[in-house]
PDB file of N, CA and C in Angstrom:
ATOM      1  N   MET A   1     126.455  47.676 164.445  1.00  0.00           N
ATOM      2  CA  MET A   1     125.024  47.730 164.628  1.00  0.00           C
ATOM      3  C   MET A   1     124.485  46.420 165.212  1.00  0.00           C
ATOM      4  N   LEU A   2     125.290  45.369 165.178  1.00  0.00           N
ATOM      5  CA  LEU A   2     124.854  44.116 165.796  1.00  0.00           C
ATOM      6  C   LEU A   2     124.654  44.284 167.298  1.00  0.00           C
ATOM      7  N   VAL A   3     125.457  45.135 167.927  1.00  0.00           N
ATOM      8  CA  VAL A   3     125.280  45.403 169.354  1.00  0.00           C
ATOM      9  C   VAL A   3     123.953  46.125 169.569  1.00  0.00           C
ATOM     10  N   CYS A   4     123.646  47.065 168.702  1.00  0.00           N
ATOM     11  CA  CYS A   4     122.360  47.767 168.795  1.00  0.00           C
ATOM     12  C   CYS A   4     121.203  46.789 168.596  1.00  0.00           C
ATOM     13  N   ASP A   5     121.369  45.846 167.687  1.00  0.00           N
ATOM     14  CA  ASP A   5     120.345  44.820 167.495  1.00  0.00           C
ATOM     15  C   ASP A   5     120.153  44.016 168.776  1.00  0.00           C
ATOM     16  N   HIS A   6     121.273  43.669 169.411  1.00  0.00           N
ATOM     17  CA  HIS A   6     121.221  42.888 170.655  1.00  0.00           C
ATOM     18  C   HIS A   6     120.375  43.603 171.704  1.00  0.00           C
ATOM     19  N   TRP A   7     120.555  44.903 171.842  1.00  0.00           N
ATOM     20  CA  TRP A   7     119.850  45.693 172.851  1.00  0.00           C
ATOM     21  C   TRP A   7     118.534  46.262 172.331  1.00  0.00           C
ATOM     22  N   GLN A   8     118.190  45.947 171.088  1.00  0.00           N
ATOM     23  CA  GLN A   8     116.964  46.436 170.458  1.00  0.00           C
ATOM     24  C   GLN A   8     116.867  47.962 170.518  1.00  0.00           C
ATOM     25  N   ASP A   9     117.994  48.596 170.205  1.00  0.00           N
ATOM     26  CA  ASP A   9     118.052  50.051 170.219  1.00  0.00           C
ATOM     27  C   ASP A   9     117.231  50.647 169.096  1.00  0.00           C
ATOM     28  N   GLY A  10     116.665  51.797 169.376  1.00  0.00           N
ATOM     29  CA  GLY A  10     115.913  52.541 168.381  1.00  0.00           C
ATOM     30  C   GLY A  10     116.838  53.416 167.547  1.00  0.00           C
ATOM     31  N   PRO A  11     116.268  54.177 166.646  1.00  0.00           N
ATOM     32  CA  PRO A  11     117.056  55.003 165.731  1.00  0.00           C
ATOM     33  C   PRO A  11     117.976  56.011 166.439  1.00  0.00           C
ATOM     34  N   GLU A  12     117.492  56.653 167.509  1.00  0.00           N
ATOM     35  CA  GLU A  12     118.327  57.644 168.193  1.00  0.00           C
ATOM     36  C   GLU A  12     119.531  56.990 168.854  1.00  0.00           C
ATOM     37  N   ALA A  13     119.323  55.854 169.503  1.00  0.00           N
ATOM     38  CA  ALA A  13     120.433  55.149 170.150  1.00  0.00           C
ATOM     39  C   ALA A  13     121.436  54.663 169.114  1.00  0.00           C
ATOM     40  N   ARG A  14     120.958  54.215 167.976  1.00  0.00           N
ATOM     41  CA  ARG A  14     121.852  53.774 166.908  1.00  0.00           C
ATOM     42  C   ARG A  14     122.690  54.941 166.392  1.00  0.00           C
ATOM     43  N   ASP A  15     122.068  56.102 166.256  1.00  0.00           N
ATOM     44  CA  ASP A  15     122.810  57.285 165.810  1.00  0.00           C
ATOM     45  C   ASP A  15     123.871  57.676 166.832  1.00  0.00           C
ATOM     46  N   ARG A  16     123.517  57.611 168.129  1.00  0.00           N
ATOM     47  CA  ARG A  16     124.500  57.923 169.178  1.00  0.00           C
ATOM     48  C   ARG A  16     125.651  56.930 169.139  1.00  0.00           C
ATOM     49  N   MET A  17     125.346  55.642 168.974  1.00  0.00           N
ATOM     50  CA  MET A  17     126.397  54.619 168.910  1.00  0.00           C
ATOM     51  C   MET A  17     127.315  54.892 167.722  1.00  0.00           C
ATOM     52  N   ARG A  18     126.719  55.171 166.588  1.00  0.00           N
ATOM     53  CA  ARG A  18     127.502  55.456 165.380  1.00  0.00           C
ATOM     54  C   ARG A  18     128.426  56.650 165.622  1.00  0.00           C
ATOM     55  N   GLN A  19     127.894  57.716 166.217  1.00  0.00           N
ATOM     56  CA  GLN A  19     128.706  58.902 166.479  1.00  0.00           C
ATOM     57  C   GLN A  19     129.810  58.604 167.498  1.00  0.00           C
ATOM     58  N   ASP A  20     129.506  57.837 168.524  1.00  0.00           N
ATOM     59  CA  ASP A  20     130.522  57.468 169.519  1.00  0.00           C
ATOM     60  C   ASP A  20     131.665  56.694 168.871  1.00  0.00           C
ATOM     61  N   VAL A  21     131.322  55.766 167.999  1.00  0.00           N
ATOM     62  CA  VAL A  21     132.356  54.969 167.334  1.00  0.00           C
ATOM     63  C   VAL A  21     133.185  55.858 166.399  1.00  0.00           C
ATOM     64  N   ILE A  22     132.527  56.723 165.664  1.00  0.00           N
ATOM     65  CA  ILE A  22     133.238  57.622 164.753  1.00  0.00           C
ATOM     66  C   ILE A  22     134.174  58.538 165.533  1.00  0.00           C
ATOM     67  N   GLN A  23     133.754  58.973 166.714  1.00  0.00           N
ATOM     68  CA  GLN A  23     134.564  59.892 167.512  1.00  0.00           C
ATOM     69  C   GLN A  23     135.670  59.190 168.305  1.00  0.00           C
ATOM     70  N   THR A  24     135.675  57.873 168.306  1.00  0.00           N
ATOM     71  CA  THR A  24     136.742  57.137 168.982  1.00  0.00           C
ATOM     72  C   THR A  24     138.056  57.419 168.254  1.00  0.00           C
ATOM     73  N   PRO A  25     139.077  57.815 168.989  1.00  0.00           N
ATOM     74  CA  PRO A  25     140.365  58.082 168.336  1.00  0.00           C
ATOM     75  C   PRO A  25     140.841  56.850 167.559  1.00  0.00           C
ATOM     76  N   PRO A  26     141.421  57.073 166.407  1.00  0.00           N
ATOM     77  CA  PRO A  26     141.842  55.949 165.553  1.00  0.00           C
ATOM     78  C   PRO A  26     142.706  54.910 166.267  1.00  0.00           C
ATOM     79  N   HIS A  27     143.574  55.358 167.166  1.00  0.00           N
ATOM     80  CA  HIS A  27     144.467  54.409 167.834  1.00  0.00           C
ATOM     81  C   HIS A  27     143.733  53.528 168.851  1.00  0.00           C
ATOM     82  N   LEU A  28     142.477  53.844 169.164  1.00  0.00           N
ATOM     83  CA  LEU A  28     141.696  53.035 170.112  1.00  0.00           C
ATOM     84  C   LEU A  28     140.637  52.166 169.432  1.00  0.00           C
ATOM     85  N   ARG A  29     140.458  52.330 168.145  1.00  0.00           N
ATOM     86  CA  ARG A  29     139.384  51.614 167.450  1.00  0.00           C
ATOM     87  C   ARG A  29     139.580  50.101 167.443  1.00  0.00           C
ATOM     88  N   ALA A  30     140.805  49.642 167.330  1.00  0.00           N
ATOM     89  CA  ALA A  30     141.048  48.190 167.356  1.00  0.00           C
ATOM     90  C   ALA A  30     140.645  47.612 168.713  1.00  0.00           C
ATOM     91  N   ASP A  31     140.933  48.339 169.790  1.00  0.00           N
ATOM     92  CA  ASP A  31     140.530  47.881 171.120  1.00  0.00           C
ATOM     93  C   ASP A  31     139.014  47.863 171.260  1.00  0.00           C
ATOM     94  N   LEU A  32     138.356  48.864 170.709  1.00  0.00           N
ATOM     95  CA  LEU A  32     136.894  48.912 170.765  1.00  0.00           C
ATOM     96  C   LEU A  32     136.288  47.736 170.001  1.00  0.00           C
ATOM     97  N   LEU A  33     136.812  47.462 168.828  1.00  0.00           N
ATOM     98  CA  LEU A  33     136.336  46.325 168.045  1.00  0.00           C
ATOM     99  C   LEU A  33     136.566  45.018 168.800  1.00  0.00           C
ATOM    100  N   ALA A  34     137.735  44.865 169.406  1.00  0.00           N
ATOM    101  CA  ALA A  34     138.032  43.651 170.173  1.00  0.00           C
ATOM    102  C   ALA A  34     137.057  43.506 171.337  1.00  0.00           C
ATOM    103  N   HIS A  35     136.739  44.605 171.985  1.00  0.00           N
ATOM    104  CA  HIS A  35     135.766  44.558 173.086  1.00  0.00           C
ATOM    105  C   HIS A  35     134.410  44.055 172.598  1.00  0.00           C
ATOM    106  N   PHE A  36     133.926  44.636 171.510  1.00  0.00           N
ATOM    107  CA  PHE A  36     132.633  44.208 170.980  1.00  0.00           C
ATOM    108  C   PHE A  36     132.660  42.733 170.568  1.00  0.00           C
ATOM    109  N   GLN A  37     133.757  42.306 169.990  1.00  0.00           N
ATOM    110  CA  GLN A  37     133.848  40.904 169.562  1.00  0.00           C
ATOM    111  C   GLN A  37     133.835  39.967 170.762  1.00  0.00           C
ATOM    112  N   ARG A  38     134.512  40.332 171.844  1.00  0.00           N
ATOM    113  CA  ARG A  38     134.506  39.496 173.052  1.00  0.00           C
ATOM    114  C   ARG A  38     133.153  39.519 173.746  1.00  0.00           C
ATOM    115  N   ALA A  39     132.636  40.719 173.931  1.00  0.00           N
ATOM    116  CA  ALA A  39     131.413  40.894 174.719  1.00  0.00           C
ATOM    117  C   ALA A  39     130.169  40.364 174.019  1.00  0.00           C
ATOM    118  N   TYR A  40     130.157  40.407 172.695  1.00  0.00           N
ATOM    119  CA  TYR A  40     128.951  40.048 171.950  1.00  0.00           C
ATOM    120  C   TYR A  40     129.177  38.908 170.968  1.00  0.00           C
ATOM    121  N   ALA A  41     130.319  38.258 171.031  1.00  0.00           N
ATOM    122  CA  ALA A  41     130.635  37.109 170.177  1.00  0.00           C
ATOM    123  C   ALA A  41     130.296  37.387 168.714  1.00  0.00           C
ATOM    124  N   LEU A  42     130.808  38.525 168.212  1.00  0.00           N
ATOM    125  CA  LEU A  42     130.534  38.900 166.812  1.00  0.00           C
ATOM    126  C   LEU A  42     131.391  38.104 165.873  1.00  0.00           C
TER     127      LEU A  42
END
């Protein structure tokens, strides 16, 4: 949700982000997390 905070997303965008992350296949989740950490310095 820190990425959503960065972009000042509203409730609908946050729900879409949450669903996109949940639907990410388990074997790709580490890559997604690494991307967010690099791109947004989390």
